């Protein structure tokens, strides 16, 4: 059996004010082609179909157009769960209408056993995104008693999850797969990628891999946007990653995972084409002309029918730069590029104390963040690049949101 594992489509998501739906449509069309060409038997989507619980109509239309194509153009089955960005009830609402189309939608946690289906000798269980109170409700429904008054909710949650898994499993499956959307394993070792929300359970930072070892051959995870293999031998525990870069900091190669079952279970990656480039340009004010010249040479090589490049620029200067954004836009006029963010960092020495600068209203938000970070981490010599970039993107998104509301 050939199975594709993907997740975190985030249909309807925007980067600043730019819709990503056209790229997402390209991805879904490409995915239909892969399923057809490779004769895929089963598609697994491990949550975060949409970017919000109340997605826009064009995102909903795109999703159901994909399911229609999957059902009418291929023989593939689809098993899809809700993620933390989704409304579980909304995802699951059309379930009965789509079952005869070979599409299974699971949005809510079953409180007595994990929902389970079988394809030949492969058994699949569903663990959509859930919250602590749902598992604690399941514990009461199954009459799972706390071991002692001192037992924390986290321990009870783990025992309840294991009971839900065991209740749903049969005894004769050759291969078992779990589809889940949550934080698993030791996430201190995993680079999350940028757009994920921190999700946790009462008393648990993540669900330990040990919960899965006895029960599954492959665990298909969603939520982390950068691919990550938490365990590479049985059971394989894997985040396949998001199919598109949703922030400039996520600008690395994306892939879906191909699982093949037979005597053994194996997995490999299928690289996803780049449907639109995201370019992050770092420069000083002295170097910007040369950097723009290199960028223009690159843009001139892009095919005419391609989607415009999305661009962010960070400029470092010793003096304020007046009219720089308009100047750069004029420089790039008529080229396939859209400048979404221009951030200028003024380097200079101030004699005033930081506290005095705050009272005078002079420091920018990035300066305040720098002061906050070193207050919390006094032994650090510098802010880690990934954290600084994430704060920059977050601040830019907030500013864009304020502008759109004016």
Protein backbone atom coordinates (compact mmCIF):
# COMPACT_ATOMS: atom_id res chain seq x y z
CA UNK A 1 0.00 0.00 0.00
CA UNK A 2 1.18 3.54 -0.83
CA UNK A 3 0.21 6.30 1.58
CA UNK A 4 0.88 10.05 1.49
CA UNK A 5 1.24 11.94 4.77
CA UNK A 6 0.74 15.72 4.67
CA UNK A 7 -0.54 18.36 7.07
CA UNK A 8 -0.84 22.06 7.90
CA UNK A 9 -2.34 23.37 4.67
CA UNK A 10 -3.68 26.49 6.43
CA UNK A 11 -6.06 27.29 3.57
CA UNK A 12 -6.99 30.96 3.64
CA UNK A 13 -3.78 32.14 5.30
CA UNK A 14 -2.22 35.47 4.30
CA UNK A 15 1.29 36.85 4.49
CA UNK A 16 0.71 40.45 5.50
CA UNK A 17 -2.16 41.36 3.11
CA UNK A 18 -1.23 38.87 0.38
CA UNK A 19 -3.50 35.85 -0.02
CA UNK A 20 -1.77 32.48 -0.39
CA UNK A 21 -4.80 30.77 -1.97
CA UNK A 22 -3.34 30.74 -5.46
CA UNK A 23 -0.22 28.96 -4.23
CA UNK A 24 -2.35 26.59 -2.19
CA UNK A 25 -4.41 25.80 -5.28
CA UNK A 26 -1.20 25.03 -7.19
CA UNK A 27 -0.11 22.72 -4.37
CA UNK A 28 -3.40 20.82 -4.29
CA UNK A 29 -3.38 20.39 -8.08
CA UNK A 30 0.19 19.10 -7.85
CA UNK A 31 -0.87 16.73 -5.07
CA UNK A 32 -3.65 15.29 -7.25
CA UNK A 33 -1.01 14.69 -9.93
CA UNK A 34 1.28 12.85 -7.50
CA UNK A 35 -1.59 10.70 -6.24
CA UNK A 36 -2.51 9.81 -9.82
CA UNK A 37 1.01 9.20 -11.13
CA UNK A 38 2.18 7.14 -8.17
CA UNK A 39 -1.14 5.30 -7.75
CA UNK A 40 -1.47 6.35 -4.13
CA UNK A 41 -3.95 4.27 -2.13
CA UNK A 42 -4.45 6.52 0.86
CA UNK A 43 -4.02 10.21 1.70
CA UNK A 44 -3.49 11.26 5.33
CA UNK A 45 -3.93 14.93 6.29
CA UNK A 46 -2.88 15.48 9.90
CA UNK A 47 -4.75 18.65 10.76
CA UNK A 48 -4.82 22.42 10.24
CA UNK A 49 -6.76 22.25 7.00
CA UNK A 50 -7.73 25.88 7.42
CA UNK A 51 -5.92 28.77 9.04
CA UNK A 52 -8.86 29.83 11.21
CA UNK A 53 -11.88 28.11 12.77
CA UNK A 54 -14.10 30.30 10.55
CA UNK A 55 -12.33 30.13 7.19
CA UNK A 56 -13.23 32.42 4.27
CA UNK A 57 -15.58 31.08 1.62
CA UNK A 58 -12.88 30.85 -1.06
CA UNK A 59 -10.75 28.64 1.23
CA UNK A 60 -13.71 26.34 1.89
CA UNK A 61 -14.43 26.15 -1.84
CA UNK A 62 -10.80 25.26 -2.57
CA UNK A 63 -10.89 22.41 -0.02
CA UNK A 64 -14.08 20.87 -1.35
CA UNK A 65 -12.98 21.27 -4.96
CA UNK A 66 -9.89 19.26 -4.01
CA UNK A 67 -11.97 16.53 -2.38
CA UNK A 68 -14.19 16.38 -5.46
CA UNK A 69 -11.15 15.95 -7.73
CA UNK A 70 -9.68 13.35 -5.38
CA UNK A 71 -12.92 11.35 -5.46
CA UNK A 72 -13.64 11.68 -9.18
CA UNK A 73 -10.14 11.54 -10.69
CA UNK A 74 -8.43 8.97 -8.44
CA UNK A 75 -9.15 5.78 -6.50
CA UNK A 76 -7.46 7.18 -3.40
CA UNK A 77 -9.05 7.19 0.06
CA UNK A 78 -8.57 10.26 2.29
CA UNK A 79 -8.40 10.37 6.09
CA UNK A 80 -8.39 13.92 7.48
CA UNK A 81 -8.36 15.20 11.06
CA UNK A 82 -8.81 18.64 12.60
CA UNK A 83 -5.87 20.61 13.97
CA UNK A 84 -5.67 23.38 16.55
CA UNK A 85 -6.38 26.04 13.89
CA UNK A 86 -9.53 24.23 12.78
CA UNK A 87 -13.00 23.99 14.23
CA UNK A 88 -13.43 20.28 14.85
CA UNK A 89 -17.21 20.55 14.52
CA UNK A 90 -16.89 22.44 11.24
CA UNK A 91 -14.42 19.94 9.79
CA UNK A 92 -16.59 16.98 10.78
CA UNK A 93 -19.99 18.45 9.75
CA UNK A 94 -20.09 16.99 6.18
CA UNK A 95 -18.63 13.63 7.24
CA UNK A 96 -21.71 11.51 6.44
CA UNK A 97 -22.01 13.11 2.99
CA UNK A 98 -18.43 12.31 2.04
CA UNK A 99 -17.98 8.75 3.33
CA UNK A 100 -19.22 7.24 0.05
CA UNK A 101 -16.68 9.50 -1.73
CA UNK A 102 -13.85 7.68 0.09
CA UNK A 103 -13.28 10.70 2.34
CA UNK A 104 -13.23 10.39 6.14
CA UNK A 105 -13.32 13.61 8.22
CA UNK A 106 -12.67 13.37 11.97
CA UNK A 107 -12.88 16.60 13.95
CA UNK A 108 -13.56 15.55 17.52
CA UNK A 109 -12.03 13.14 20.00
CA UNK A 110 -14.07 10.00 20.58
CA UNK A 111 -14.54 9.69 24.35
CA UNK A 112 -14.54 5.88 24.61
CA UNK A 113 -12.07 4.72 21.96
CA UNK A 114 -10.10 6.23 19.11
CA UNK A 115 -11.96 6.10 15.82
CA UNK A 116 -10.37 3.30 13.79
CA UNK A 117 -10.58 2.16 10.15
CA UNK A 118 -8.92 -0.71 8.29
CA UNK A 119 -7.48 -0.82 4.78
CA UNK A 120 -6.35 -4.38 4.01
CA UNK A 121 -3.75 -5.22 6.64
CA UNK A 122 -3.28 -1.57 7.67
CA UNK A 123 -5.21 -0.23 10.66
CA UNK A 124 -5.49 3.54 11.12
CA UNK A 125 -6.49 5.42 14.27
CA UNK A 126 -7.47 9.07 14.54
CA UNK A 127 -6.39 11.50 17.26
CA UNK A 128 -7.59 14.98 16.19
CA UNK A 129 -6.46 18.01 18.16
CA UNK A 130 -7.96 17.91 21.63
CA UNK A 131 -7.87 19.86 24.86
CA UNK A 132 -7.28 18.62 28.38
CA UNK A 133 -10.90 18.78 29.47
CA UNK A 134 -11.95 16.45 26.63
CA UNK A 135 -9.56 13.74 27.80
CA UNK A 136 -10.63 14.21 31.39
CA UNK A 137 -14.25 13.80 30.24
CA UNK A 138 -13.19 10.56 28.54
CA UNK A 139 -11.57 9.41 31.78
CA UNK A 140 -14.86 9.91 33.63
CA UNK A 141 -16.88 8.23 30.90
CA UNK A 142 -14.58 5.18 30.93
CA UNK A 143 -14.48 5.30 34.74
CA UNK A 144 -10.70 5.58 34.89
CA UNK A 145 -9.89 6.29 38.52
CA UNK A 146 -7.10 8.55 39.68
CA UNK A 147 -4.39 6.51 41.37
CA UNK A 148 -4.11 8.88 44.32
CA UNK A 149 -5.11 12.34 45.38
CA UNK A 150 -1.65 13.56 44.42
CA UNK A 151 -1.83 12.34 40.79
CA UNK A 152 -1.66 15.31 38.43
CA UNK A 153 -3.93 15.80 35.45
CA UNK A 154 -1.02 15.10 33.11
CA UNK A 155 -0.60 11.54 34.39
CA UNK A 156 -4.33 10.88 34.15
CA UNK A 157 -4.38 12.26 30.60
CA UNK A 158 -1.64 9.86 29.51
CA UNK A 159 -3.36 6.84 31.06
CA UNK A 160 -6.63 7.86 29.42
CA UNK A 161 -5.03 8.32 26.00
CA UNK A 162 -3.46 4.89 26.21
CA UNK A 163 -6.84 3.40 27.14
CA UNK A 164 -8.48 5.18 24.16
CA UNK A 165 -5.80 3.73 21.87
CA UNK A 166 -6.14 0.18 23.21
CA UNK A 167 -9.93 0.25 23.05
CA UNK A 168 -9.87 1.14 19.37
CA UNK A 169 -7.29 -1.39 18.21
CA UNK A 170 -7.93 -4.85 16.82
CA UNK A 171 -5.60 -7.79 17.44
CA UNK A 172 -4.77 -8.88 13.91
CA UNK A 173 -3.55 -5.75 12.07
CA UNK A 174 -0.16 -6.13 10.41
CA UNK A 175 0.60 -2.39 10.35
CA UNK A 176 -0.86 0.29 12.62
CA UNK A 177 -0.81 4.02 11.86
CA UNK A 178 -1.88 6.89 14.09
CA UNK A 179 -2.91 10.29 12.68
CA UNK A 180 -2.50 13.02 15.30
CA UNK A 181 -2.16 16.78 15.69
CA UNK A 182 -0.39 17.87 18.86
CA UNK A 183 3.04 18.32 20.40
CA UNK A 184 4.87 15.01 20.78
CA UNK A 185 8.28 13.99 22.03
CA UNK A 186 11.15 16.25 23.10
CA UNK A 187 10.38 19.47 21.23
CA UNK A 188 13.49 21.17 22.63
CA UNK A 189 15.34 19.32 19.86
CA UNK A 190 12.93 20.29 17.09
CA UNK A 191 12.95 23.60 15.22
CA UNK A 192 9.28 24.44 14.98
CA UNK A 193 9.43 26.59 11.85
CA UNK A 194 7.68 29.82 12.73
CA UNK A 195 3.89 29.90 12.49
CA UNK A 196 2.88 27.28 15.06
CA UNK A 197 1.05 28.09 18.25
CA UNK A 198 2.30 26.65 21.52
CA UNK A 199 -0.24 24.06 22.62
CA UNK A 200 -0.06 22.17 25.88
CA UNK A 201 -2.06 19.97 28.20
CA UNK A 202 -2.54 20.29 31.94
CA UNK A 203 0.74 19.19 33.48
CA UNK A 204 2.21 18.15 30.09
CA UNK A 205 4.48 20.11 27.77
CA UNK A 206 4.15 17.36 25.17
CA UNK A 207 2.91 13.79 24.76
CA UNK A 208 5.87 11.41 25.26
CA UNK A 209 6.88 9.08 22.45
CA UNK A 210 6.80 6.19 24.93
CA UNK A 211 3.00 6.30 24.80
CA UNK A 212 3.16 5.26 21.13
CA UNK A 213 5.92 2.66 21.05
CA UNK A 214 3.88 -0.45 21.77
CA UNK A 215 0.93 0.48 19.60
CA UNK A 216 2.01 1.77 16.16
CA UNK A 217 4.36 1.32 13.23
CA UNK A 218 4.00 4.89 11.96
CA UNK A 219 2.69 8.04 13.65
CA UNK A 220 1.65 10.74 11.15
CA UNK A 221 1.85 14.07 12.95
CA UNK A 222 0.74 17.59 12.15
CA UNK A 223 1.39 21.01 13.73
CA UNK A 224 5.13 21.57 13.24
CA UNK A 225 5.78 23.41 9.95
CA UNK A 226 9.30 22.12 9.47
CA UNK A 227 9.63 18.41 8.77
CA UNK A 228 10.96 16.49 11.76
CA UNK A 229 11.46 12.79 12.41
CA UNK A 230 11.19 12.21 16.15
CA UNK A 231 11.84 8.49 15.74
CA UNK A 232 13.10 6.83 12.55
CA UNK A 233 12.60 3.16 13.48
CA UNK A 234 9.44 1.36 14.50
CA UNK A 235 7.44 3.19 15.40
CA UNK A 236 8.38 5.95 12.97
CA UNK A 237 7.13 9.21 14.51
CA UNK A 238 7.18 12.05 12.01
CA UNK A 239 6.05 15.60 11.39
CA UNK A 240 5.83 15.97 7.61
CA UNK A 241 5.84 19.78 7.75
CA UNK A 242 3.69 22.37 5.99
CA UNK A 243 3.57 22.34 2.17
CA UNK A 244 4.25 26.09 1.78
CA UNK A 245 6.46 28.63 3.56
CA UNK A 246 3.97 30.73 5.51
CA UNK A 247 6.56 33.20 6.77
CA UNK A 248 9.88 34.40 5.42
CA UNK A 249 11.57 32.43 8.20
CA UNK A 250 10.02 29.21 6.80
CA UNK A 251 11.73 29.62 3.45
CA UNK A 252 13.24 26.15 3.04
CA UNK A 253 12.43 23.13 0.91
CA UNK A 254 9.05 21.56 1.63
CA UNK A 255 7.96 17.97 1.10
CA UNK A 256 5.24 15.41 1.65
CA UNK A 257 5.98 11.96 3.06
CA UNK A 258 5.41 8.74 1.11
CA UNK A 259 4.77 5.67 3.28
CA UNK A 260 4.97 2.21 1.73
CA UNK A 261 3.79 -0.95 3.44
CA UNK A 262 4.55 -4.57 2.63
CA UNK A 263 6.48 -6.99 4.76
CA UNK A 264 7.93 -3.88 6.40
CA UNK A 265 6.96 -0.22 6.55
CA UNK A 266 9.24 2.41 4.99
CA UNK A 267 9.00 6.11 4.26
CA UNK A 268 10.60 8.63 1.93
CA UNK A 269 10.10 12.25 0.94
CA UNK A 270 8.62 13.78 -2.21
CA UNK A 271 9.84 17.35 -2.65
CA UNK A 272 7.16 19.95 -3.34
CA UNK A 273 7.87 22.43 -6.15
CA UNK A 274 8.25 26.12 -5.30
CA UNK A 275 5.09 27.83 -6.45
CA UNK A 276 6.14 31.30 -5.31
CA UNK A 277 9.50 32.50 -4.00
CA UNK A 278 9.85 34.28 -0.66
CA UNK A 279 13.04 36.34 -0.50
CA UNK A 280 14.46 37.95 2.62
CA UNK A 281 17.14 40.52 1.77
CA UNK A 282 19.59 41.79 4.42
CA UNK A 283 21.74 44.78 3.57
CA UNK A 284 23.40 47.96 4.78
CA UNK A 285 22.45 51.28 3.23
CA UNK A 286 25.83 51.32 1.46
CA UNK A 287 25.31 47.87 -0.08
CA UNK A 288 21.66 48.18 -1.07
CA UNK A 289 22.31 49.25 -4.67
CA UNK A 290 24.45 46.19 -5.34
CA UNK A 291 21.96 43.93 -3.55
CA UNK A 292 19.09 45.30 -5.63
CA UNK A 293 21.12 44.81 -8.79
CA UNK A 294 21.59 41.12 -7.90
CA UNK A 295 17.91 40.81 -7.06
CA UNK A 296 16.84 42.37 -10.38
CA UNK A 297 19.06 39.94 -12.28
CA UNK A 298 17.35 37.07 -10.47
CA UNK A 299 13.86 38.47 -11.07
CA UNK A 300 14.52 38.85 -14.78
CA UNK A 301 15.06 35.08 -15.01
CA UNK A 302 11.64 34.25 -13.56
CA UNK A 303 9.09 32.89 -16.01
CA UNK A 304 6.38 35.35 -17.01
CA UNK A 305 3.50 33.19 -15.78
CA UNK A 306 5.01 32.65 -12.34
CA UNK A 307 3.53 34.24 -9.24
CA UNK A 308 5.33 37.43 -8.15
CA UNK A 309 8.12 37.03 -5.61
CA UNK A 310 7.26 38.19 -2.08
CA UNK A 311 10.07 40.30 -0.65
CA UNK A 312 11.12 41.60 2.75
CA UNK A 313 14.13 43.88 3.22
CA UNK A 314 16.03 44.70 6.37
CA UNK A 315 18.33 47.71 6.05
CA UNK A 316 21.00 48.74 8.52
CA UNK A 317 22.09 52.37 8.47
CA UNK A 318 23.83 54.91 10.67
CA UNK A 319 21.36 57.64 9.63
CA UNK A 320 17.60 57.78 9.07
CA UNK A 321 16.58 56.83 5.52
CA UNK A 322 13.83 59.05 4.15
CA UNK A 323 11.74 57.77 1.24
CA UNK A 324 13.69 54.53 0.97
CA UNK A 325 10.59 52.33 0.51
CA UNK A 326 9.35 54.41 -2.44
CA UNK A 327 12.83 54.47 -3.93
CA UNK A 328 13.14 50.67 -3.76
CA UNK A 329 9.64 50.14 -5.18
CA UNK A 330 10.50 52.42 -8.10
CA UNK A 331 13.72 50.47 -8.62
CA UNK A 332 11.79 47.20 -8.79
CA UNK A 333 8.89 48.58 -10.83
CA UNK A 334 7.62 46.31 -13.63
CA UNK A 335 9.46 43.31 -12.16
CA UNK A 336 7.63 40.24 -10.76
CA UNK A 337 8.06 41.16 -7.10
CA UNK A 338 6.00 42.64 -4.27
CA UNK A 339 7.77 44.38 -1.40
CA UNK A 340 5.84 43.44 1.72
CA UNK A 341 8.12 44.69 4.46
CA UNK A 342 10.97 47.18 4.73
CA UNK A 343 12.57 47.44 8.14
CA UNK A 344 15.30 49.96 8.86
CA UNK A 345 17.68 49.53 11.78
CA UNK A 346 19.50 52.70 12.80
CA UNK A 347 22.90 52.00 14.31
CA UNK A 348 24.25 54.61 16.67
CA UNK A 349 25.42 55.32 20.17
CA UNK A 350 23.26 57.06 22.74
CA UNK A 351 24.55 58.63 25.90
CA UNK A 352 21.16 58.46 27.59
CA UNK A 353 20.28 55.54 29.80
CA UNK A 354 17.80 53.02 28.42
CA UNK A 355 15.30 53.97 31.11
CA UNK A 356 15.49 57.62 30.05
CA UNK A 357 14.97 56.63 26.42
CA UNK A 358 11.81 54.77 27.38
CA UNK A 359 10.44 57.79 29.26
CA UNK A 360 11.20 60.02 26.29
CA UNK A 361 9.37 57.64 23.99
CA UNK A 362 12.43 57.28 21.76
CA UNK A 363 13.13 53.54 21.55
CA UNK A 364 11.41 51.43 18.91
CA UNK A 365 9.65 48.20 19.79
CA UNK A 366 12.68 46.17 18.74
CA UNK A 367 14.77 48.08 21.29
CA UNK A 368 12.22 47.36 24.00
CA UNK A 369 12.22 43.70 23.03
CA UNK A 370 16.02 43.63 23.19
CA UNK A 371 15.95 45.13 26.68
CA UNK A 372 13.28 42.63 27.76
CA UNK A 373 15.24 39.65 26.36
CA UNK A 374 18.48 40.53 28.14
CA UNK A 375 16.57 41.14 31.36
CA UNK A 376 15.24 37.57 31.13
CA UNK A 377 18.55 36.10 29.84
CA UNK A 378 21.32 38.20 31.43
CA UNK A 379 24.02 35.68 30.51
CA UNK A 380 23.26 35.85 26.79
CA UNK A 381 25.59 37.85 24.56
CA UNK A 382 23.06 38.29 21.78
CA UNK A 383 19.48 37.46 20.86
CA UNK A 384 19.33 34.21 18.84
CA UNK A 385 18.74 34.98 15.16
CA UNK A 386 15.59 32.85 14.91
CA UNK A 387 13.97 34.59 17.90
CA UNK A 388 14.88 38.06 16.61
CA UNK A 389 13.44 37.26 13.18
CA UNK A 390 10.23 35.87 14.63
CA UNK A 391 9.73 39.03 16.69
CA UNK A 392 10.34 41.14 13.58
CA UNK A 393 7.73 39.19 11.60
CA UNK A 394 5.24 39.37 14.47
CA UNK A 395 5.70 43.13 14.83
CA UNK A 396 5.31 43.64 11.08
CA UNK A 397 2.10 41.60 11.06
CA UNK A 398 0.69 43.67 13.92
CA UNK A 399 1.51 46.89 12.08
CA UNK A 400 -0.08 45.57 8.90
CA UNK A 401 -3.20 44.63 10.83
CA UNK A 402 -3.41 48.12 12.33
CA UNK A 403 -3.06 49.70 8.89
CA UNK A 404 -5.78 47.49 7.41
CA UNK A 405 -8.20 48.55 10.18
CA UNK A 406 -7.69 52.25 9.59
